Amino acid sequence: MAKVVRFPSFGGPEVLQLDDCAVADPGPGEVRVRVAAFGLNRVETLYRSGGLGPVRFPATIGYEAAGVIDAVGADVPRWQPGDRVATLYGLSMEHYGTHGETILYPADMLVAVPDAQPLVEAAASWMMYGTAYALVEVGRISRGDMVVITAASSSVGVAAIQIANDFGAVPVAITRTRQKAARLIELGAAHVIVSDEESPAERIMAITQGKGARIVFDAVAGPPLAELLTATAPLGVVIVYGMLGGYSVDLALPALMVNNLTLRGFSADLLIAQPESRARVVDYVSFGVKRGALKPVIDRTFDLSQIVEAHRYLEGNGQAGKIVVTTRNASA
C-alpha cells in the first residue's frame, strides 16, 4: 500500500487527504515510480477547487514528480527498474495524478534525472521551465530583448528570469509588494517594478527609454493586462499563461493595432503534447540544468504528511520559487 493524495469533494486545501492505496502493476507503455518528491503548481489548486470541471471522486491530483522506477510494463524499451526519472506534465490529473508515494505513468512522458541532480531538485524543474520556455518557442527571445515578467516570484517567474538571462535578454520583474523586490534582484532580475507603489507601464517606458518591452510574459491577466499593452514595443509579443488577476479583461484596441502587437494565449501542455516541441523543451531544459544556466530555486519543502499546509502556503503567495513536497522515498 502507498500513501496517495486524493480529495473526496471540491474545496480548499482542507479537502486533501492521504489515502492508503494499492498501486497496480504497470500496463503496456507504463512504468511504476516510487516518488521521492513532487512540486506544487497553481493549476492543481484550480483543479482541486473545481475550476477545471467535473472529476470522479475520490480524485487524485498532481502534475509533476521525480523518483525511481520500480516496475516496467510491456512495450517499454527505454526504461528499467532503478532508473531515476522525472515526469513531464500535461496529463489528466484524474488518471495520472503524481502526488503520492507510488504512481503509474506513461513511459514516453518521463525524462531521465542525472545522477548529479537530487530528485528533490528534479521535482522542481520541469513544469516551471517548460512553461517559461514560451519565451523561446513563442516569444523568440534574443539578446538585448526587454522581457517583462509578471508574478515574477512564482516558480515560473523565476524560471523566466533565468531563461531571459541565459539568452542575454533583460528581465524586468513585476511584483505586487516591496517585500520580494530584493530577493528578485538576487534571483537575477535586472529591474523590479512594485505594482502596488508605481505604474508598471510608466516604469517600463522609463526603463526602456520610451521603446517599450519586446516581450511581456504575463501570469496575471485581468485589468493589469490592458496597461501592459500600452508599454509593449511595436511588433512586440504579449504571452498570457495565467489568470491570477481575473478571467476577463477590457482592452483598448489602439495600442494593440497601431503597434502591431501579438497577443498570445499560452498553455504549456501544448508543447509537451507534440513530440517535436516536447523534444525541444527537454533538450533545452536538460542542457540548461547541466551547464548551470538553469538552477531550480526551491522556496520551501514540506513532508507528505503536511500536504494541506503545503497547499495553504502556495495559496498564500509568500514564496519566491518552487514549493516541493517530499515522501519517505526521498531518503531511500
C-alpha atoms as a PDB file:
ATOM      1  CA  MET A   1       0.000   0.000   0.000  1.00  0.00           C
ATOM      2  CA  ALA A   2       1.138   3.529  -0.717  1.00  0.00           C
ATOM      3  CA  LYS A   3       0.066   6.917   0.611  1.00  0.00           C
ATOM      4  CA  VAL A   4      -1.692   8.792  -2.205  1.00  0.00           C
ATOM      5  CA  VAL A   5      -3.057  12.340  -2.097  1.00  0.00           C
ATOM      6  CA  ARG A   6      -6.757  12.391  -3.015  1.00  0.00           C
ATOM      7  CA  PHE A   7      -9.786  14.565  -2.337  1.00  0.00           C
ATOM      8  CA  PRO A   8     -13.444  13.450  -1.943  1.00  0.00           C
ATOM      9  CA  SER A   9     -15.009  16.779  -2.952  1.00  0.00           C
ATOM     10  CA  PHE A  10     -14.042  20.163  -4.367  1.00  0.00           C
ATOM     11  CA  GLY A  11     -12.842  22.794  -1.952  1.00  0.00           C
ATOM     12  CA  GLY A  12      -9.878  24.414  -0.273  1.00  0.00           C
ATOM     13  CA  PRO A  13      -6.664  22.743   0.904  1.00  0.00           C
ATOM     14  CA  GLU A  14      -8.542  21.069   3.747  1.00  0.00           C
ATOM     15  CA  VAL A  15     -10.219  18.598   1.343  1.00  0.00           C
ATOM     16  CA  LEU A  16      -6.879  16.937   0.609  1.00  0.00           C
ATOM     17  CA  GLN A  17      -6.288  13.658   2.387  1.00  0.00           C
ATOM     18  CA  LEU A  18      -3.720  10.859   2.426  1.00  0.00           C
ATOM     19  CA  ASP A  19      -5.296   7.543   1.495  1.00  0.00           C
ATOM     20  CA  ASP A  20      -3.696   4.100   1.612  1.00  0.00           C
ATOM     21  CA  CYS A  21      -3.992   2.764  -1.926  1.00  0.00           C
ATOM     22  CA  ALA A  22      -2.793  -0.327  -3.739  1.00  0.00           C
ATOM     23  CA  VAL A  23      -0.926   0.762  -6.860  1.00  0.00           C
ATOM     24  CA  ALA A  24      -1.327  -1.723  -9.694  1.00  0.00           C
ATOM     25  CA  ASP A  25       1.390  -3.190 -11.849  1.00  0.00           C
ATOM     26  CA  PRO A  26       2.143  -1.021 -14.887  1.00  0.00           C
ATOM     27  CA  GLY A  27       0.233  -1.760 -18.069  1.00  0.00           C
ATOM     28  CA  PRO A  28       1.612  -1.625 -21.612  1.00  0.00           C
ATOM     29  CA  GLY A  29       3.587   1.574 -22.164  1.00  0.00           C
ATOM     30  CA  GLU A  30       3.567   2.416 -18.444  1.00  0.00           C
ATOM     31  CA  VAL A  31       6.058   2.342 -15.590  1.00  0.00           C
ATOM     32  CA  ARG A  32       5.597   2.430 -11.841  1.00  0.00           C
ATOM     33  CA  VAL A  33       7.595   5.066  -9.971  1.00  0.00           C
ATOM     34  CA  ARG A  34       8.473   5.343  -6.297  1.00  0.00           C
ATOM     35  CA  VAL A  35       8.095   9.094  -5.894  1.00  0.00           C
ATOM     36  CA  ALA A  36      10.745  10.914  -3.862  1.00  0.00           C
ATOM     37  CA  ALA A  37       9.313  14.409  -4.276  1.00  0.00           C
ATOM     38  CA  PHE A  38       6.778  16.445  -6.210  1.00  0.00           C
ATOM     39  CA  GLY A  39       6.394  20.137  -6.941  1.00  0.00           C
ATOM     40  CA  LEU A  40       3.240  22.164  -6.412  1.00  0.00           C
ATOM     41  CA  ASN A  41       1.628  24.236  -9.156  1.00  0.00           C
ATOM     42  CA  ARG A  42      -1.206  26.751  -9.375  1.00  0.00           C
ATOM     43  CA  VAL A  43      -3.127  24.551 -11.785  1.00  0.00           C
ATOM     44  CA  GLU A  44      -3.508  21.979  -9.020  1.00  0.00           C
ATOM     45  CA  THR A  45      -5.338  24.452  -6.784  1.00  0.00           C
ATOM     46  CA  LEU A  46      -7.653  25.270  -9.686  1.00  0.00           C
ATOM     47  CA  TYR A  47      -8.305  21.577 -10.278  1.00  0.00           C
ATOM     48  CA  ARG A  48      -8.849  20.872  -6.568  1.00  0.00           C
ATOM     49  CA  SER A  49     -11.384  23.696  -6.263  1.00  0.00           C
ATOM     50  CA  GLY A  50     -13.411  22.588  -9.300  1.00  0.00           C
ATOM     51  CA  GLY A  51     -12.161  25.158 -11.770  1.00  0.00           C
ATOM     52  CA  LEU A  52     -11.247  22.559 -14.397  1.00  0.00           C
ATOM     53  CA  GLY A  53     -14.600  20.806 -14.461  1.00  0.00           C
ATOM     54  CA  PRO A  54     -16.080  17.628 -13.004  1.00  0.00           C
ATOM     55  CA  VAL A  55     -13.982  14.664 -11.857  1.00  0.00           C
ATOM     56  CA  ARG A  56     -14.672  11.249 -10.350  1.00  0.00           C
ATOM     57  CA  PHE A  57     -14.247  11.260  -6.583  1.00  0.00           C
ATOM     58  CA  PRO A  58     -12.101  10.460  -4.762  1.00  0.00           C
ATOM     59  CA  ALA A  59      -9.801  12.217  -7.218  1.00  0.00           C
ATOM     60  CA  THR A  60      -6.031  12.040  -7.476  1.00  0.00           C
ATOM     61  CA  ILE A  61      -4.045  15.217  -8.083  1.00  0.00           C
ATOM     62  CA  GLY A  62      -0.633  16.351  -9.264  1.00  0.00           C
ATOM     63  CA  TYR A  63       1.217  17.412 -12.400  1.00  0.00           C
ATOM     64  CA  GLU A  64       4.873  16.565 -11.753  1.00  0.00           C
ATOM     65  CA  ALA A  65       7.130  14.354  -9.664  1.00  0.00           C
ATOM     66  CA  ALA A  66      10.556  12.732  -9.521  1.00  0.00           C
ATOM     67  CA  GLY A  67      11.572   9.322  -8.260  1.00  0.00           C
ATOM     68  CA  VAL A  68      12.882   5.869  -9.130  1.00  0.00           C
ATOM     69  CA  ILE A  69      11.234   3.305 -11.402  1.00  0.00           C
ATOM     70  CA  ASP A  70      10.400   0.062  -9.612  1.00  0.00           C
ATOM     71  CA  ALA A  71       8.431  -1.773 -12.324  1.00  0.00           C
ATOM     72  CA  VAL A  72       8.124  -1.588 -16.107  1.00  0.00           C
ATOM     73  CA  GLY A  73       5.184  -2.658 -18.248  1.00  0.00           C
ATOM     74  CA  ALA A  74       5.214  -4.248 -21.681  1.00  0.00           C
ATOM     75  CA  ASP A  75       6.395  -2.302 -24.716  1.00  0.00           C
ATOM     76  CA  VAL A  76       8.724  -0.031 -22.713  1.00  0.00           C
ATOM     77  CA  PRO A  77      12.160  -0.400 -24.327  1.00  0.00           C
ATOM     78  CA  ARG A  78      13.869   2.630 -22.804  1.00  0.00           C
ATOM     79  CA  TRP A  79      13.367   2.338 -19.044  1.00  0.00           C
ATOM     80  CA  GLN A  80      14.204  -0.284 -16.445  1.00  0.00           C
ATOM     81  CA  PRO A  81      13.831  -0.639 -12.672  1.00  0.00           C
ATOM     82  CA  GLY A  82      16.265   1.576 -10.806  1.00  0.00           C
ATOM     83  CA  ASP A  83      16.226   4.409 -13.352  1.00  0.00           C
ATOM     84  CA  ARG A  84      15.905   7.890 -11.847  1.00  0.00           C
ATOM     85  CA  VAL A  85      13.192   9.842 -13.671  1.00  0.00           C
ATOM     86  CA  ALA A  86      11.009  12.919 -13.577  1.00  0.00           C
ATOM     87  CA  THR A  87       7.533  13.204 -15.036  1.00  0.00           C
ATOM     88  CA  LEU A  88       6.572  15.632 -17.731  1.00  0.00           C
ATOM     89  CA  TYR A  89       3.313  17.473 -17.179  1.00  0.00           C
ATOM     90  CA  GLY A  90       0.045  17.923 -19.020  1.00  0.00           C
ATOM     91  CA  LEU A  91      -1.686  14.601 -18.481  1.00  0.00           C
ATOM     92  CA  SER A  92      -5.053  14.218 -16.802  1.00  0.00           C
ATOM     93  CA  MET A  93      -4.570  14.510 -13.043  1.00  0.00           C
ATOM     94  CA  GLU A  94      -7.606  12.279 -12.653  1.00  0.00           C
ATOM     95  CA  HIS A  95      -5.851   9.427 -14.465  1.00  0.00           C
ATOM     96  CA  TYR A  96      -2.190  10.162 -13.750  1.00  0.00           C
ATOM     97  CA  GLY A  97      -2.042  12.225 -10.581  1.00  0.00           C
ATOM     98  CA  THR A  98       1.549  12.442  -9.352  1.00  0.00           C
ATOM     99  CA  HIS A  99       1.073  13.334  -5.687  1.00  0.00           C
ATOM    100  CA  GLY A 100       1.746  10.201  -3.688  1.00  0.00           C
ATOM    101  CA  GLU A 101       4.417   7.702  -2.712  1.00  0.00           C
ATOM    102  CA  THR A 102       3.954   5.456  -5.753  1.00  0.00           C
ATOM    103  CA  ILE A 103       2.404   6.261  -9.137  1.00  0.00           C
ATOM    104  CA  LEU A 104       1.844   4.795 -12.586  1.00  0.00           C
ATOM    105  CA  TYR A 105       2.931   6.964 -15.517  1.00  0.00           C
ATOM    106  CA  PRO A 106       3.281   6.672 -19.306  1.00  0.00           C
ATOM    107  CA  ALA A 107       6.847   5.801 -20.201  1.00  0.00           C
ATOM    108  CA  ASP A 108       7.061   8.308 -23.029  1.00  0.00           C
ATOM    109  CA  MET A 109       6.247  11.158 -20.620  1.00  0.00           C
ATOM    110  CA  LEU A 110       9.333  10.644 -18.470  1.00  0.00           C
ATOM    111  CA  VAL A 111      12.773  12.226 -18.601  1.00  0.00           C
ATOM    112  CA  ALA A 112      15.990  10.923 -17.096  1.00  0.00           C
ATOM    113  CA  VAL A 113      17.351  12.580 -13.973  1.00  0.00           C
ATOM    114  CA  PRO A 114      21.166  12.766 -13.959  1.00  0.00           C
ATOM    115  CA  ASP A 115      22.915  11.122 -11.031  1.00  0.00           C
ATOM    116  CA  ALA A 116      24.337  14.506 -10.037  1.00  0.00           C
ATOM    117  CA  GLN A 117      20.896  16.096  -9.682  1.00  0.00           C
ATOM    118  CA  PRO A 118      18.951  15.486  -6.447  1.00  0.00           C
ATOM    119  CA  LEU A 119      15.471  14.119  -7.035  1.00  0.00           C
ATOM    120  CA  VAL A 120      14.036  16.944  -4.930  1.00  0.00           C
ATOM    121  CA  GLU A 121      15.531  19.426  -7.386  1.00  0.00           C
ATOM    122  CA  ALA A 122      14.306  17.436 -10.391  1.00  0.00           C
ATOM    123  CA  ALA A 123      10.796  17.610  -8.955  1.00  0.00           C
ATOM    124  CA  ALA A 124      11.119  21.409  -9.024  1.00  0.00           C
ATOM    125  CA  SER A 125      12.192  21.689 -12.646  1.00  0.00           C
ATOM    126  CA  TRP A 126      10.009  20.554 -15.454  1.00  0.00           C
ATOM    127  CA  MET A 127       6.723  22.412 -15.311  1.00  0.00           C
ATOM    128  CA  MET A 128       8.254  25.759 -14.406  1.00  0.00           C
ATOM    129  CA  TYR A 129      10.955  25.639 -17.076  1.00  0.00           C
ATOM    130  CA  GLY A 130       8.602  24.079 -19.606  1.00  0.00           C
ATOM    131  CA  THR A 131       6.125  26.915 -19.098  1.00  0.00           C
ATOM    132  CA  ALA A 132       8.780  29.629 -19.198  1.00  0.00           C
ATOM    133  CA  TYR A 133      10.092  28.047 -22.414  1.00  0.00           C
ATOM    134  CA  ALA A 134       7.295  30.030 -24.074  1.00  0.00           C
ATOM    135  CA  LEU A 135       9.855  32.859 -24.167  1.00  0.00           C
ATOM    136  CA  VAL A 136      11.803  30.754 -26.658  1.00  0.00           C
ATOM    137  CA  GLU A 137       9.076  28.934 -28.542  1.00  0.00           C
ATOM    138  CA  VAL A 138       6.574  31.792 -28.809  1.00  0.00           C
ATOM    139  CA  GLY A 139       8.493  34.940 -27.950  1.00  0.00           C
ATOM    140  CA  ARG A 140      11.608  34.101 -29.997  1.00  0.00           C
ATOM    141  CA  ILE A 141      13.678  35.733 -27.295  1.00  0.00           C
ATOM    142  CA  SER A 142      17.065  37.102 -28.276  1.00  0.00           C
ATOM    143  CA  ARG A 143      19.955  39.086 -26.837  1.00  0.00           C
ATOM    144  CA  GLY A 144      19.031  42.564 -25.650  1.00  0.00           C
ATOM    145  CA  ASP A 145      15.268  41.981 -25.565  1.00  0.00           C
ATOM    146  CA  MET A 146      13.445  43.720 -22.727  1.00  0.00           C
ATOM    147  CA  VAL A 147      11.316  40.992 -21.159  1.00  0.00           C
ATOM    148  CA  VAL A 148       8.620  41.953 -18.639  1.00  0.00           C
ATOM    149  CA  ILE A 149       7.700  39.109 -16.266  1.00  0.00           C
ATOM    150  CA  THR A 150       4.623  39.402 -14.046  1.00  0.00           C
ATOM    151  CA  ALA A 151       4.142  37.283 -10.900  1.00  0.00           C
ATOM    152  CA  ALA A 152       7.906  37.188 -11.025  1.00  0.00           C
ATOM    153  CA  SER A 153       8.417  35.474  -7.672  1.00  0.00           C
ATOM    154  CA  SER A 154       6.401  32.423  -8.714  1.00  0.00           C
ATOM    155  CA  SER A 155       8.324  29.335  -9.777  1.00  0.00           C
ATOM    156  CA  VAL A 156       7.566  30.056 -13.443  1.00  0.00           C
ATOM    157  CA  GLY A 157       8.511  33.708 -12.972  1.00  0.00           C
ATOM    158  CA  VAL A 158      11.883  32.735 -11.519  1.00  0.00           C
ATOM    159  CA  ALA A 159      12.372  30.262 -14.372  1.00  0.00           C
ATOM    160  CA  ALA A 160      11.595  33.030 -16.887  1.00  0.00           C
ATOM    161  CA  ILE A 161      14.186  35.304 -15.275  1.00  0.00           C
ATOM    162  CA  GLN A 162      16.810  32.588 -15.687  1.00  0.00           C
ATOM    163  CA  ILE A 163      15.878  31.871 -19.294  1.00  0.00           C
ATOM    164  CA  ALA A 164      15.958  35.585 -20.145  1.00  0.00           C
ATOM    165  CA  ASN A 165      19.442  35.878 -18.655  1.00  0.00           C
ATOM    166  CA  ASP A 166      20.547  32.737 -20.479  1.00  0.00           C
ATOM    167  CA  PHE A 167      19.676  34.400 -23.801  1.00  0.00           C
ATOM    168  CA  GLY A 168      21.284  37.706 -22.880  1.00  0.00           C
ATOM    169  CA  ALA A 169      17.913  39.441 -22.582  1.00  0.00           C
ATOM    170  CA  VAL A 170      16.967  41.926 -19.847  1.00  0.00           C
ATOM    171  CA  PRO A 171      14.422  40.545 -17.344  1.00  0.00           C
ATOM    172  CA  VAL A 172      12.117  43.157 -15.805  1.00  0.00           C
ATOM    173  CA  ALA A 173      10.268  41.618 -12.859  1.00  0.00           C
ATOM    174  CA  ILE A 174       6.879  42.831 -11.652  1.00  0.00           C
ATOM    175  CA  THR A 175       5.837  42.001  -8.110  1.00  0.00           C
ATOM    176  CA  ARG A 176       2.913  43.300  -6.122  1.00  0.00           C
ATOM    177  CA  THR A 177       4.676  44.330  -2.905  1.00  0.00           C
ATOM    178  CA  ARG A 178       8.089  45.641  -1.885  1.00  0.00           C
ATOM    179  CA  GLN A 179       8.660  42.541   0.266  1.00  0.00           C
ATOM    180  CA  LYS A 180      10.082  40.436  -2.580  1.00  0.00           C
ATOM    181  CA  ALA A 181      11.963  43.131  -4.520  1.00  0.00           C
ATOM    182  CA  ALA A 182      15.415  42.487  -3.093  1.00  0.00           C
ATOM    183  CA  ARG A 183      15.021  38.721  -3.494  1.00  0.00           C
ATOM    184  CA  LEU A 184      14.105  39.124  -7.165  1.00  0.00           C
ATOM    185  CA  ILE A 185      17.301  41.084  -7.765  1.00  0.00           C
ATOM    186  CA  GLU A 186      19.232  38.258  -6.078  1.00  0.00           C
ATOM    187  CA  LEU A 187      17.475  35.806  -8.400  1.00  0.00           C
ATOM    188  CA  GLY A 188      18.648  37.670 -11.494  1.00  0.00           C
ATOM    189  CA  ALA A 189      16.093  40.356 -12.326  1.00  0.00           C
ATOM    190  CA  ALA A 190      17.706  43.413 -13.912  1.00  0.00           C
ATOM    191  CA  HIS A 191      14.866  45.669 -12.740  1.00  0.00           C
ATOM    192  CA  VAL A 192      11.986  45.209 -10.301  1.00  0.00           C
ATOM    193  CA  ILE A 193       8.664  47.041 -10.525  1.00  0.00           C
ATOM    194  CA  VAL A 194       6.444  47.073  -7.431  1.00  0.00           C
ATOM    195  CA  SER A 195       2.942  47.349  -8.844  1.00  0.00           C
ATOM    196  CA  ASP A 196       1.333  48.468  -5.550  1.00  0.00           C
ATOM    197  CA  GLU A 197       3.618  51.502  -5.466  1.00  0.00           C
ATOM    198  CA  GLU A 198       4.107  52.564  -9.087  1.00  0.00           C
ATOM    199  CA  SER A 199       2.586  52.338 -12.534  1.00  0.00           C
ATOM    200  CA  PRO A 200       4.102  49.312 -14.309  1.00  0.00           C
ATOM    201  CA  ALA A 201       3.545  50.890 -17.724  1.00  0.00           C
ATOM    202  CA  GLU A 202       5.226  54.160 -16.780  1.00  0.00           C
ATOM    203  CA  ARG A 203       8.163  52.373 -15.224  1.00  0.00           C
ATOM    204  CA  ILE A 204       8.575  50.044 -18.215  1.00  0.00           C
ATOM    205  CA  MET A 205       8.660  53.007 -20.568  1.00  0.00           C
ATOM    206  CA  ALA A 206      11.246  54.735 -18.356  1.00  0.00           C
ATOM    207  CA  ILE A 207      13.446  51.618 -18.200  1.00  0.00           C
ATOM    208  CA  THR A 208      13.254  51.136 -21.977  1.00  0.00           C
ATOM    209  CA  GLN A 209      13.722  54.839 -22.747  1.00  0.00           C
ATOM    210  CA  GLY A 210      10.298  55.037 -24.314  1.00  0.00           C
ATOM    211  CA  LYS A 211      10.659  51.987 -26.563  1.00  0.00           C
ATOM    212  CA  GLY A 212       8.531  49.542 -24.572  1.00  0.00           C
ATOM    213  CA  ALA A 213       9.114  45.869 -23.814  1.00  0.00           C
ATOM    214  CA  ARG A 214       9.744  43.445 -26.667  1.00  0.00           C
ATOM    215  CA  ILE A 215       8.159  40.525 -24.718  1.00  0.00           C
ATOM    216  CA  VAL A 216       5.617  40.533 -21.911  1.00  0.00           C
ATOM    217  CA  PHE A 217       5.248  37.197 -20.089  1.00  0.00           C
ATOM    218  CA  ASP A 218       2.045  37.509 -18.094  1.00  0.00           C
ATOM    219  CA  ALA A 219       0.542  35.254 -15.431  1.00  0.00           C
ATOM    220  CA  VAL A 220      -1.847  37.888 -14.083  1.00  0.00           C
ATOM    221  CA  ALA A 221      -4.089  38.982 -16.990  1.00  0.00           C
ATOM    222  CA  GLY A 222      -7.273  40.718 -15.821  1.00  0.00           C
ATOM    223  CA  PRO A 223      -7.307  44.541 -15.808  1.00  0.00           C
ATOM    224  CA  PRO A 224      -3.490  44.895 -15.442  1.00  0.00           C
ATOM    225  CA  LEU A 225      -3.042  43.316 -18.863  1.00  0.00           C
ATOM    226  CA  ALA A 226      -4.589  46.322 -20.590  1.00  0.00           C
ATOM    227  CA  GLU A 227      -1.978  48.611 -19.062  1.00  0.00           C
ATOM    228  CA  LEU A 228       0.897  46.351 -20.099  1.00  0.00           C
ATOM    229  CA  LEU A 229      -0.190  46.544 -23.736  1.00  0.00           C
ATOM    230  CA  THR A 230       0.486  50.281 -23.674  1.00  0.00           C
ATOM    231  CA  ALA A 231       4.089  49.592 -22.640  1.00  0.00           C
ATOM    232  CA  THR A 232       4.841  46.949 -25.276  1.00  0.00           C
ATOM    233  CA  ALA A 233       7.149  47.852 -28.148  1.00  0.00           C
ATOM    234  CA  PRO A 234       5.940  47.846 -31.757  1.00  0.00           C
ATOM    235  CA  LEU A 235       5.807  44.275 -33.091  1.00  0.00           C
ATOM    236  CA  GLY A 236       6.120  43.051 -29.502  1.00  0.00           C
ATOM    237  CA  VAL A 237       4.671  39.805 -28.151  1.00  0.00           C
ATOM    238  CA  VAL A 238       2.423  39.543 -25.083  1.00  0.00           C
ATOM    239  CA  ILE A 239       2.188  35.947 -23.811  1.00  0.00           C
ATOM    240  CA  VAL A 240      -0.648  35.274 -21.342  1.00  0.00           C
ATOM    241  CA  TYR A 241      -0.281  31.999 -19.451  1.00  0.00           C
ATOM    242  CA  GLY A 242      -2.240  32.666 -16.240  1.00  0.00           C
ATOM    243  CA  MET A 243      -5.311  34.404 -14.864  1.00  0.00           C
ATOM    244  CA  LEU A 244      -4.349  35.462 -11.344  1.00  0.00           C
ATOM    245  CA  GLY A 245      -5.907  38.888 -11.918  1.00  0.00           C
ATOM    246  CA  GLY A 246      -9.182  37.688 -13.386  1.00  0.00           C
ATOM    247  CA  TYR A 247     -10.710  35.670 -16.192  1.00  0.00           C
ATOM    248  CA  SER A 248     -11.576  38.612 -18.434  1.00  0.00           C
ATOM    249  CA  VAL A 249     -10.194  41.997 -19.445  1.00  0.00           C
ATOM    250  CA  ASP A 250     -11.348  45.066 -21.368  1.00  0.00           C
ATOM    251  CA  LEU A 251      -8.721  46.053 -23.906  1.00  0.00           C
ATOM    252  CA  ALA A 252      -8.211  49.377 -25.609  1.00  0.00           C
ATOM    253  CA  LEU A 253      -7.527  48.225 -29.155  1.00  0.00           C
ATOM    254  CA  PRO A 254      -5.451  51.159 -30.473  1.00  0.00           C
ATOM    255  CA  ALA A 255      -2.282  50.039 -28.653  1.00  0.00           C
ATOM    256  CA  LEU A 256      -2.750  46.510 -29.978  1.00  0.00           C
ATOM    257  CA  MET A 257      -3.439  47.606 -33.545  1.00  0.00           C
ATOM    258  CA  VAL A 258      -1.207  50.631 -34.040  1.00  0.00           C
ATOM    259  CA  ASN A 259       1.827  48.815 -32.657  1.00  0.00           C
ATOM    260  CA  ASN A 260       1.024  45.554 -34.477  1.00  0.00           C
ATOM    261  CA  LEU A 261       1.285  43.555 -31.281  1.00  0.00           C
ATOM    262  CA  THR A 262       0.829  39.827 -30.955  1.00  0.00           C
ATOM    263  CA  LEU A 263      -1.399  38.865 -28.003  1.00  0.00           C
ATOM    264  CA  ARG A 264      -0.954  35.154 -27.480  1.00  0.00           C
ATOM    265  CA  GLY A 265      -2.635  32.822 -25.036  1.00  0.00           C
ATOM    266  CA  PHE A 266      -0.333  30.018 -23.958  1.00  0.00           C
ATOM    267  CA  SER A 267      -0.740  26.632 -22.295  1.00  0.00           C
ATOM    268  CA  ALA A 268       2.485  24.743 -21.659  1.00  0.00           C
ATOM    269  CA  ASP A 269       0.669  21.443 -22.162  1.00  0.00           C
ATOM    270  CA  LEU A 270       0.623  22.013 -25.926  1.00  0.00           C
ATOM    271  CA  LEU A 271       4.423  21.916 -26.189  1.00  0.00           C
ATOM    272  CA  ILE A 272       4.573  18.608 -24.318  1.00  0.00           C
ATOM    273  CA  ALA A 273       1.705  17.022 -26.254  1.00  0.00           C
ATOM    274  CA  GLN A 274       3.536  17.433 -29.570  1.00  0.00           C
ATOM    275  CA  PRO A 275       6.628  15.186 -29.895  1.00  0.00           C
ATOM    276  CA  GLU A 276       8.709  17.717 -31.829  1.00  0.00           C
ATOM    277  CA  SER A 277       8.226  20.602 -29.431  1.00  0.00           C
ATOM    278  CA  ARG A 278       8.469  18.219 -26.466  1.00  0.00           C
ATOM    279  CA  ALA A 279      11.936  17.239 -27.666  1.00  0.00           C
ATOM    280  CA  ARG A 280      12.954  20.898 -27.912  1.00  0.00           C
ATOM    281  CA  VAL A 281      11.787  21.581 -24.364  1.00  0.00           C
ATOM    282  CA  VAL A 282      13.547  18.513 -22.970  1.00  0.00           C
ATOM    283  CA  ASP A 283      16.789  19.274 -24.813  1.00  0.00           C
ATOM    284  CA  TYR A 284      16.899  22.898 -23.703  1.00  0.00           C
ATOM    285  CA  VAL A 285      15.997  22.283 -20.063  1.00  0.00           C
ATOM    286  CA  SER A 286      18.265  19.251 -19.687  1.00  0.00           C
ATOM    287  CA  PHE A 287      21.255  21.053 -21.179  1.00  0.00           C
ATOM    288  CA  GLY A 288      20.450  24.265 -19.309  1.00  0.00           C
ATOM    289  CA  VAL A 289      20.460  22.452 -15.968  1.00  0.00           C
ATOM    290  CA  LYS A 290      23.646  20.567 -16.877  1.00  0.00           C
ATOM    291  CA  ARG A 291      25.584  23.726 -17.716  1.00  0.00           C
ATOM    292  CA  GLY A 292      24.206  25.633 -14.730  1.00  0.00           C
ATOM    293  CA  ALA A 293      22.243  28.274 -16.645  1.00  0.00           C
ATOM    294  CA  LEU A 294      19.014  26.901 -15.160  1.00  0.00           C
ATOM    295  CA  LYS A 295      19.147  26.426 -11.397  1.00  0.00           C
ATOM    296  CA  PRO A 296      15.880  25.332  -9.751  1.00  0.00           C
ATOM    297  CA  VAL A 297      15.051  27.590  -6.819  1.00  0.00           C
ATOM    298  CA  ILE A 298      13.187  25.822  -4.013  1.00  0.00           C
ATOM    299  CA  ASP A 299      11.495  28.193  -1.626  1.00  0.00           C
ATOM    300  CA  ARG A 300      10.380  25.582   0.897  1.00  0.00           C
ATOM    301  CA  THR A 301       9.884  21.841   1.275  1.00  0.00           C
ATOM    302  CA  PHE A 302       7.087  20.064   3.110  1.00  0.00           C
ATOM    303  CA  ASP A 303       6.680  16.451   4.159  1.00  0.00           C
ATOM    304  CA  LEU A 304       3.892  14.470   2.505  1.00  0.00           C
ATOM    305  CA  SER A 305       2.029  14.458   5.819  1.00  0.00           C
ATOM    306  CA  GLN A 306       1.875  18.269   5.525  1.00  0.00           C
ATOM    307  CA  ILE A 307       0.127  18.326   2.139  1.00  0.00           C
ATOM    308  CA  VAL A 308      -2.706  20.551   3.408  1.00  0.00           C
ATOM    309  CA  GLU A 309      -0.233  23.057   4.869  1.00  0.00           C
ATOM    310  CA  ALA A 310       1.768  22.982   1.625  1.00  0.00           C
ATOM    311  CA  HIS A 311      -1.298  23.937  -0.428  1.00  0.00           C
ATOM    312  CA  ARG A 312      -2.162  26.691   2.027  1.00  0.00           C
ATOM    313  CA  TYR A 313       1.353  28.055   1.721  1.00  0.00           C
ATOM    314  CA  LEU A 314       1.091  28.012  -2.074  1.00  0.00           C
ATOM    315  CA  GLU A 315      -2.172  29.936  -1.986  1.00  0.00           C
ATOM    316  CA  GLY A 316      -0.663  32.466   0.439  1.00  0.00           C
ATOM    317  CA  ASN A 317       1.622  33.775  -2.344  1.00  0.00           C
ATOM    318  CA  GLY A 318       4.554  34.201   0.009  1.00  0.00           C
ATOM    319  CA  GLN A 319       7.021  32.061  -1.894  1.00  0.00           C
ATOM    320  CA  ALA A 320       9.877  33.000  -4.199  1.00  0.00           C
ATOM    321  CA  GLY A 321      10.492  29.895  -6.271  1.00  0.00           C
ATOM    322  CA  LYS A 322       9.140  26.360  -6.080  1.00  0.00           C
ATOM    323  CA  ILE A 323       7.309  24.597  -3.272  1.00  0.00           C
ATOM    324  CA  VAL A 324       8.243  20.908  -3.054  1.00  0.00           C
ATOM    325  CA  VAL A 325       6.730  18.046  -1.068  1.00  0.00           C
ATOM    326  CA  THR A 326       8.912  15.058  -0.154  1.00  0.00           C
ATOM    327  CA  THR A 327       7.897  11.489   0.640  1.00  0.00           C
ATOM    328  CA  ARG A 328       9.553   8.773   2.703  1.00  0.00           C
ATOM    329  CA  ASN A 329      11.220   7.622  -0.548  1.00  0.00           C
ATOM    330  CA  ALA A 330      13.338  10.781  -0.596  1.00  0.00           C
ATOM    331  CA  SER A 331      15.769   9.229   1.858  1.00  0.00           C
ATOM    332  CA  ALA A 332      15.602   5.713   0.462  1.00  0.00           C
END
